[in-house]
Structures are given as C-alpha cells and as structure tokens.
C-alpha atoms as a PDB file:
ATOM      1  CA  MET A   1     -18.696  -3.630  25.764  1.00  0.00           C
ATOM      2  CA  ASN A   2     -18.513  -6.884  23.799  1.00  0.00           C
ATOM      3  CA  ILE A   3     -16.067  -7.502  20.979  1.00  0.00           C
ATOM      4  CA  GLN A   4     -18.619  -6.834  18.214  1.00  0.00           C
ATOM      5  CA  ALA A   5     -19.418  -3.415  19.657  1.00  0.00           C
ATOM      6  CA  ARG A   6     -15.705  -2.651  20.039  1.00  0.00           C
ATOM      7  CA  LYS A   7     -15.117  -3.588  16.399  1.00  0.00           C
ATOM      8  CA  LEU A   8     -17.882  -1.233  15.280  1.00  0.00           C
ATOM      9  CA  VAL A   9     -16.406   1.621  17.323  1.00  0.00           C
ATOM     10  CA  LEU A  10     -12.985   0.899  15.829  1.00  0.00           C
ATOM     11  CA  ILE A  11     -14.410   0.858  12.289  1.00  0.00           C
ATOM     12  CA  GLU A  12     -16.135   4.180  12.896  1.00  0.00           C
ATOM     13  CA  GLU A  13     -12.889   5.682  14.174  1.00  0.00           C
ATOM     14  CA  PHE A  14     -10.973   4.276  11.227  1.00  0.00           C
ATOM     15  CA  LEU A  15     -13.435   5.785   8.748  1.00  0.00           C
ATOM     16  CA  ARG A  16     -12.773   9.228  10.233  1.00  0.00           C
ATOM     17  CA  ILE A  17      -9.025   9.028   9.577  1.00  0.00           C
ATOM     18  CA  SER A  18      -7.875  11.275   6.753  1.00  0.00           C
ATOM     19  CA  ASP A  19      -4.120  10.991   7.315  1.00  0.00           C
ATOM     20  CA  GLU A  20      -2.777   8.508   4.759  1.00  0.00           C
ATOM     21  CA  SER A  21       0.432   7.914   6.721  1.00  0.00           C
ATOM     22  CA  LEU A  22      -1.610   6.851   9.752  1.00  0.00           C
ATOM     23  CA  ILE A  23      -3.587   4.411   7.591  1.00  0.00           C
ATOM     24  CA  THR A  24      -0.306   3.014   6.252  1.00  0.00           C
ATOM     25  CA  LYS A  25       0.971   2.564   9.814  1.00  0.00           C
ATOM     26  CA  LEU A  26      -2.241   0.802  10.839  1.00  0.00           C
ATOM     27  CA  GLU A  27      -2.037  -1.508   7.825  1.00  0.00           C
ATOM     28  CA  SER A  28       1.533  -2.320   8.665  1.00  0.00           C
ATOM     29  CA  PHE A  29       0.675  -2.956  12.308  1.00  0.00           C
ATOM     30  CA  ILE A  30      -2.196  -5.296  11.397  1.00  0.00           C
ATOM     31  CA  LYS A  31      -0.026  -7.270   8.958  1.00  0.00           C
ATOM     32  CA  GLN A  32       2.728  -7.634  11.561  1.00  0.00           C
ATOM     33  CA  GLU A  33       0.301  -8.725  14.272  1.00  0.00           C
ATOM     34  CA  LYS A  34      -1.297 -11.303  11.966  1.00  0.00           C
ATOM     35  CA  LYS A  35       2.141 -12.686  11.130  1.00  0.00           C
ATOM     36  CA  SER A  36       3.149 -12.773  14.796  1.00  0.00           C
ATOM     37  CA  SER A  37      -0.083 -14.539  15.702  1.00  0.00           C
ATOM     38  CA  TYR A  38       0.443 -17.071  12.913  1.00  0.00           C
ATOM     39  CA  ASP A  39       4.044 -17.673  14.022  1.00  0.00           C
ATOM     40  CA  ARG A  40       2.974 -18.172  17.659  1.00  0.00           C
ATOM     41  CA  ASN A  41       0.455 -20.821  16.603  1.00  0.00           C
ATOM     42  CA  LEU A  42       2.862 -22.868  14.502  1.00  0.00           C
ATOM     43  CA  LYS A  43       3.490 -26.274  15.938  1.00  0.00           C
ATOM     44  CA  PRO A  44       6.382 -28.538  15.000  1.00  0.00           C
ATOM     45  CA  MET A  45       5.548 -31.642  13.046  1.00  0.00           C
ATOM     46  CA  LEU A  46       6.045 -34.960  14.779  1.00  0.00           C
ATOM     47  CA  LEU A  47       8.711 -37.187  13.286  1.00  0.00           C
ATOM     48  CA  ASN A  48       6.211 -39.926  12.435  1.00  0.00           C
ATOM     49  CA  GLU A  49       4.012 -37.343  10.644  1.00  0.00           C
ATOM     50  CA  PHE A  50       7.018 -36.258   8.608  1.00  0.00           C
ATOM     51  CA  HIS A  51       7.823 -39.863   7.699  1.00  0.00           C
ATOM     52  CA  GLU A  52       4.206 -40.471   6.686  1.00  0.00           C
ATOM     53  CA  MET A  53       4.331 -37.438   4.370  1.00  0.00           C
ATOM     54  CA  ILE A  54       7.474 -38.839   2.761  1.00  0.00           C
ATOM     55  CA  ASN A  55       5.871 -42.263   2.367  1.00  0.00           C
ATOM     56  CA  GLN A  56       2.761 -40.686   0.823  1.00  0.00           C
ATOM     57  CA  ALA A  57       4.944 -38.761  -1.624  1.00  0.00           C
ATOM     58  CA  LYS A  58       6.666 -42.009  -2.605  1.00  0.00           C
ATOM     59  CA  ARG A  59       3.291 -43.721  -3.115  1.00  0.00           C
ATOM     60  CA  ASP A  60       2.097 -40.783  -5.236  1.00  0.00           C
ATOM     61  CA  ASN A  61       5.267 -40.980  -7.318  1.00  0.00           C
ATOM     62  CA  ASP A  62       4.899 -44.744  -7.806  1.00  0.00           C
ATOM     63  CA  ALA A  63       1.254 -44.232  -8.852  1.00  0.00           C
ATOM     64  CA  GLY A  64       2.244 -41.560 -11.383  1.00  0.00           C
ATOM     65  CA  LYS A  65       0.454 -38.781  -9.490  1.00  0.00           C
ATOM     66  CA  VAL A  66       3.280 -36.309 -10.068  1.00  0.00           C
ATOM     67  CA  ILE A  67       4.221 -33.704 -12.622  1.00  0.00           C
ATOM     68  CA  SER A  68       7.722 -32.638 -13.520  1.00  0.00           C
ATOM     69  CA  HIS A  69       8.943 -29.142 -12.794  1.00  0.00           C
ATOM     70  CA  GLN A  70       9.322 -28.446 -16.506  1.00  0.00           C
ATOM     71  CA  ASP A  71       5.801 -29.707 -17.304  1.00  0.00           C
ATOM     72  CA  LEU A  72       4.363 -27.619 -14.470  1.00  0.00           C
ATOM     73  CA  LYS A  73       6.104 -24.492 -15.775  1.00  0.00           C
ATOM     74  CA  MET A  74       4.594 -25.100 -19.214  1.00  0.00           C
ATOM     75  CA  LYS A  75       1.151 -25.662 -17.711  1.00  0.00           C
ATOM     76  CA  VAL A  76       1.361 -22.461 -15.670  1.00  0.00           C
ATOM     77  CA  LYS A  77       2.123 -20.459 -18.819  1.00  0.00           C
ATOM     78  CA  THR A  78      -1.283 -21.459 -20.207  1.00  0.00           C
ATOM     79  CA  TRP A  79      -3.096 -20.098 -17.121  1.00  0.00           C
ATOM     80  CA  LYS A  80      -2.556 -16.476 -18.121  1.00  0.00           C
END
C-alpha cells in the first residue's frame, strides 16, 4: 500500500473517532512529532554565515532600513 492509500485509510479511521479525549491525544502526538522532526532537521549556522548576517544588519542600519522598537510598537497598534 503506498503512502497516499495509507493516508486515506488513516483519514477514514480518524473520521470514525467519537472520543474527544482520543482526538486530543492524537492532536498532541502530531504536534510533538512535528516539533521533533523540525528539531532533528535544524542545522547549526556556520560562523561565516553568522558574520555575514551581522554585516548585512550593519549595512541595513547604515542605509536607514531599520525601524526602532518604539516605532514598530506604534505601527503594530494600527494593524488591529
């Protein structure tokens, strides 16, 4: 059985569940597995990449491509 067929079977089984606590457990399990998968795939940044990010931030600052924390807070208030 290929993965698409397995997914369909799983969806069908899931749709038959009427126990809310089981659904909560499944949600929790999926969230934890996604986080674990994400964490396993994280790769450390190379030192030269880190330095380049710092240099880019300095160039952005020198070019005026920044916004102060206070100005950003005021701007965010208008988004609501």
